[in-house]
Amino acid sequence: MTAPHNAILQLQDLGFAYPSQPPLATRWTASIGAGVTLLHGDTGSGKTTLLRILAGRQAATGRLSIEGVRLDAAPEAYRRKVFFVEPDTDAFDKQKSGRECTTALCADDAHFDAVRWQSLVEGFALAPHIDKPMYMLSTGSRRKVWLAAALAAGRPVTLLDEPTGALDAASIRCLWRTLAELSRDATRSFVIASGERITGLPLATTIDLPLQAGAQST
């Protein structure tokens, strides 16, 4: 992977391993710029763990920074620059509506795009359900609430873990169409973890797991 000139997310000597397991990364140095980066690997290759590391939610060795803000020096400021769509959609307060959860998720986002969010709510067919309590929504609908908030939030880094899981075909088309539009924004970086290759979406680069020992991007 070639380091982009407009690097947004930078990794320096990143290292991580579970006890008694081969390392996921060993002194991995990389620069991830604007556009869509595919993090590709089979089940168990460490995609979700790596996203959690990039989100600042899983400790690792080395240094991470977003737009010059370092995780080790300013952890809260770093995490405010990341929107992580986790597989566990049950992390919501199930008594709150999808709209209320969106408000909570995007409370610190100065660049939240309400027009884009409304367009995504309609594109994901969420409009009839957005004011229902989360416990009343299907897994797919809860995932759509996350995705609509993430894509409208405007944070520099957005991490999507298997984003098409539990989505219907029309919603997947809406997701890819929106990401294709957002990929032209020079201020935003999207990292998609997927066990499948993505076609029909412009990719800035692809990172294949498992990483090669000592892998670097220069």
Protein backbone atom coordinates (compact mmCIF):
# COMPACT_ATOMS: atom_id res chain seq x y z
CA MET A 1 0.00 0.00 0.00
CA THR A 2 1.39 3.38 -1.00
CA ALA A 3 1.16 6.12 1.61
CA PRO A 4 -1.16 8.90 0.43
CA HIS A 5 -0.03 12.49 0.35
CA ASN A 6 -3.10 13.56 2.36
CA ALA A 7 -2.76 11.04 5.18
CA ILE A 8 -5.58 11.26 7.72
CA LEU A 9 -4.92 8.18 9.88
CA GLN A 10 -1.33 7.29 10.65
CA LEU A 11 0.00 4.13 12.29
CA GLN A 12 3.56 3.94 13.59
CA ASP A 13 5.13 0.63 14.69
CA LEU A 14 1.73 -0.85 15.57
CA GLY A 15 1.87 -4.18 17.36
CA PHE A 16 -0.75 -6.51 18.82
CA ALA A 17 -1.09 -10.21 19.69
CA TYR A 18 -3.46 -12.26 21.80
CA PRO A 19 -1.75 -14.59 24.29
CA SER A 20 -0.48 -17.79 22.65
CA GLN A 21 -1.60 -16.54 19.22
CA PRO A 22 0.40 -15.33 16.22
CA PRO A 23 0.69 -11.53 16.20
CA LEU A 24 -1.95 -9.59 14.32
CA ALA A 25 0.57 -6.82 13.65
CA THR A 26 4.28 -6.41 14.33
CA ARG A 27 5.76 -2.92 14.00
CA TRP A 28 3.23 -2.07 11.31
CA THR A 29 3.63 1.42 9.89
CA ALA A 30 1.01 2.79 7.50
CA SER A 31 -0.69 5.98 6.36
CA ILE A 32 -4.35 5.91 5.37
CA GLY A 33 -5.73 8.82 3.41
CA ALA A 34 -9.09 10.00 2.13
CA GLY A 35 -11.49 7.67 0.37
CA VAL A 36 -12.43 4.06 1.03
CA THR A 37 -9.91 1.51 2.29
CA LEU A 38 -10.90 -2.16 2.25
CA LEU A 39 -9.63 -4.27 5.15
CA HIS A 40 -10.00 -7.76 3.70
CA GLY A 41 -9.56 -11.10 5.43
CA ASP A 42 -11.21 -14.39 6.26
CA THR A 43 -13.19 -15.01 9.44
CA GLY A 44 -10.80 -14.98 12.39
CA SER A 45 -8.11 -13.00 10.58
CA GLY A 46 -8.40 -10.12 13.05
CA LYS A 47 -10.47 -7.56 11.12
CA THR A 48 -12.69 -6.56 14.05
CA THR A 49 -9.74 -6.46 16.46
CA LEU A 50 -7.82 -4.20 14.12
CA LEU A 51 -10.80 -1.86 13.78
CA ARG A 52 -11.09 -1.71 17.57
CA ILE A 53 -7.39 -0.80 17.76
CA LEU A 54 -7.84 1.94 15.16
CA ALA A 55 -10.87 3.22 17.08
CA GLY A 56 -8.79 3.50 20.25
CA ARG A 57 -10.85 0.86 22.07
CA GLN A 58 -8.27 -1.95 22.14
CA ALA A 59 -4.82 -1.35 23.58
CA ALA A 60 -1.83 -2.00 21.30
CA THR A 61 1.80 -1.02 21.11
CA GLY A 62 2.97 1.73 18.79
CA ARG A 63 1.40 5.07 17.97
CA LEU A 64 -1.85 6.09 16.30
CA SER A 65 -2.79 9.59 15.20
CA ILE A 66 -5.63 11.23 13.28
CA GLU A 67 -4.95 14.61 11.70
CA GLY A 68 -1.98 14.93 14.06
CA VAL A 69 -3.98 14.09 17.23
CA ARG A 70 -2.24 11.21 18.98
CA LEU A 71 -4.18 8.53 20.82
CA ASP A 72 -1.56 8.22 23.57
CA ALA A 73 -1.39 11.99 24.18
CA ALA A 74 -5.07 12.95 23.82
CA PRO A 75 -7.24 9.80 23.88
CA GLU A 76 -10.63 11.50 24.11
CA ALA A 77 -9.81 13.99 21.35
CA TYR A 78 -8.62 11.09 19.18
CA ARG A 79 -11.78 9.04 19.77
CA ARG A 80 -13.99 12.02 18.91
CA LYS A 81 -12.46 11.91 15.43
CA VAL A 82 -13.55 8.30 14.87
CA PHE A 83 -16.98 6.82 14.21
CA PHE A 84 -16.89 3.04 14.72
CA VAL A 85 -19.90 1.02 13.55
CA GLU A 86 -19.59 -2.09 15.69
CA PRO A 87 -21.22 -5.43 14.92
CA ASP A 88 -22.92 -5.35 18.34
CA THR A 89 -25.92 -3.15 17.62
CA ASP A 90 -27.29 -3.99 21.07
CA ALA A 91 -24.92 -1.38 22.51
CA PHE A 92 -27.79 1.11 22.20
CA ASP A 93 -30.18 1.96 25.01
CA LYS A 94 -33.05 -0.10 23.62
CA GLN A 95 -35.65 2.18 25.21
CA LYS A 96 -34.52 5.12 23.06
CA SER A 97 -35.73 5.69 19.54
CA GLY A 98 -33.49 5.54 16.51
CA ARG A 99 -33.66 9.33 16.27
CA GLU A 100 -32.66 9.74 19.93
CA CYS A 101 -29.77 7.30 19.51
CA THR A 102 -28.57 9.24 16.48
CA THR A 103 -28.64 12.47 18.48
CA ALA A 104 -26.56 10.83 21.21
CA LEU A 105 -24.08 9.27 18.77
CA CYS A 106 -23.53 12.55 16.89
CA ALA A 107 -23.67 14.97 19.83
CA ASP A 108 -20.01 16.01 19.38
CA ASP A 109 -20.05 16.21 15.58
CA ALA A 110 -19.74 19.81 14.44
CA HIS A 111 -20.02 18.70 10.80
CA PHE A 112 -23.11 16.53 11.15
CA ASP A 113 -25.07 16.74 7.89
CA ALA A 114 -28.78 16.64 8.75
CA VAL A 115 -29.79 16.67 5.08
CA ARG A 116 -27.62 13.65 4.30
CA TRP A 117 -28.90 11.87 7.40
CA GLN A 118 -32.51 12.37 6.32
CA SER A 119 -31.65 11.14 2.84
CA LEU A 120 -30.07 8.01 4.33
CA VAL A 121 -33.06 7.40 6.60
CA GLU A 122 -35.24 7.40 3.50
CA GLY A 123 -32.75 5.41 1.40
CA PHE A 124 -32.54 2.75 4.11
CA ALA A 125 -36.36 2.68 4.41
CA LEU A 126 -36.01 3.73 8.05
CA ALA A 127 -38.52 6.59 7.98
CA PRO A 128 -41.46 4.54 9.34
CA HIS A 129 -39.27 3.17 12.15
CA ILE A 130 -36.86 5.95 13.16
CA ASP A 131 -39.03 7.13 16.08
CA LYS A 132 -39.71 3.64 17.42
CA PRO A 133 -37.79 2.33 20.46
CA MET A 134 -34.70 0.41 19.40
CA TYR A 135 -35.98 -2.81 20.99
CA MET A 136 -38.77 -2.84 18.41
CA LEU A 137 -36.36 -2.76 15.46
CA SER A 138 -34.84 -5.71 13.64
CA THR A 139 -31.09 -6.31 13.63
CA GLY A 140 -30.92 -4.88 10.12
CA SER A 141 -32.82 -1.73 11.07
CA ARG A 142 -30.61 -1.15 14.11
CA ARG A 143 -27.58 -1.54 11.83
CA LYS A 144 -29.09 1.07 9.49
CA VAL A 145 -29.45 3.54 12.38
CA TRP A 146 -25.72 3.16 13.05
CA LEU A 147 -24.79 3.53 9.39
CA ALA A 148 -26.97 6.58 8.77
CA ALA A 149 -25.43 8.31 11.80
CA ALA A 150 -21.88 7.34 10.80
CA LEU A 151 -22.14 8.52 7.21
CA ALA A 152 -23.79 11.81 8.18
CA ALA A 153 -21.51 12.52 11.13
CA GLY A 154 -18.62 14.06 9.21
CA ARG A 155 -15.84 12.64 11.39
CA PRO A 156 -12.42 12.29 9.74
CA VAL A 157 -12.31 8.50 10.20
CA THR A 158 -15.24 6.12 9.86
CA LEU A 159 -14.73 2.40 10.58
CA LEU A 160 -17.33 -0.02 9.22
CA ASP A 161 -17.25 -3.66 10.31
CA GLU A 162 -19.04 -5.89 7.76
CA PRO A 163 -21.49 -3.04 7.04
CA THR A 164 -23.75 -5.05 4.71
CA GLY A 165 -24.58 -7.64 7.38
CA ALA A 166 -28.39 -8.00 7.82
CA LEU A 167 -29.06 -5.34 5.17
CA ASP A 168 -31.52 -5.80 2.30
CA ALA A 169 -30.41 -5.34 -1.32
CA ALA A 170 -31.89 -1.83 -1.68
CA SER A 171 -30.13 -0.64 1.49
CA ILE A 172 -26.82 -2.09 0.30
CA ARG A 173 -27.18 -0.14 -2.93
CA CYS A 174 -27.89 3.02 -0.92
CA LEU A 175 -24.84 2.37 1.26
CA TRP A 176 -22.48 1.86 -1.69
CA ARG A 177 -23.90 4.87 -3.54
CA THR A 178 -23.38 7.11 -0.51
CA LEU A 179 -19.87 5.82 0.10
CA ALA A 180 -19.00 6.43 -3.55
CA GLU A 181 -20.12 10.04 -3.15
CA LEU A 182 -18.28 10.49 0.15
CA SER A 183 -15.10 8.91 -1.22
CA ARG A 184 -14.54 12.18 -3.12
CA ASP A 185 -14.32 14.14 0.15
CA ALA A 186 -10.63 14.83 0.77
CA THR A 187 -11.25 15.27 4.52
CA ARG A 188 -12.75 11.85 5.29
CA SER A 189 -11.35 8.33 5.43
CA PHE A 190 -13.50 5.18 5.47
CA VAL A 191 -12.13 1.77 6.45
CA ILE A 192 -14.40 -1.17 5.63
CA ALA A 193 -13.68 -4.59 7.12
CA SER A 194 -15.09 -7.33 4.93
CA GLY A 195 -14.59 -11.02 4.31
CA GLU A 196 -15.52 -10.45 0.67
CA ARG A 197 -13.98 -8.34 -2.05
CA ILE A 198 -16.03 -5.23 -2.79
CA THR A 199 -16.94 -4.48 -6.37
CA GLY A 200 -18.73 -1.44 -7.70
CA LEU A 201 -17.20 0.90 -5.12
CA PRO A 202 -14.09 3.02 -5.79
CA LEU A 203 -11.35 1.94 -3.39
CA ALA A 204 -8.34 4.03 -2.46
CA THR A 205 -6.46 0.90 -1.36
CA THR A 206 -6.85 -2.62 0.04
CA ILE A 207 -5.19 -4.06 3.15
CA ASP A 208 -5.12 -7.86 3.18
CA LEU A 209 -5.04 -9.84 6.43
CA PRO A 210 -3.07 -11.52 7.79
CA LEU A 211 -0.43 -8.85 7.51
CA GLN A 212 3.03 -9.82 6.41
CA ALA A 213 5.54 -9.73 9.28
CA GLY A 214 6.96 -6.25 9.62
CA ALA A 215 4.63 -4.89 6.92
CA GLN A 216 5.10 -1.23 6.20
CA SER A 217 3.59 1.36 3.90
CA THR A 218 5.90 4.07 2.67
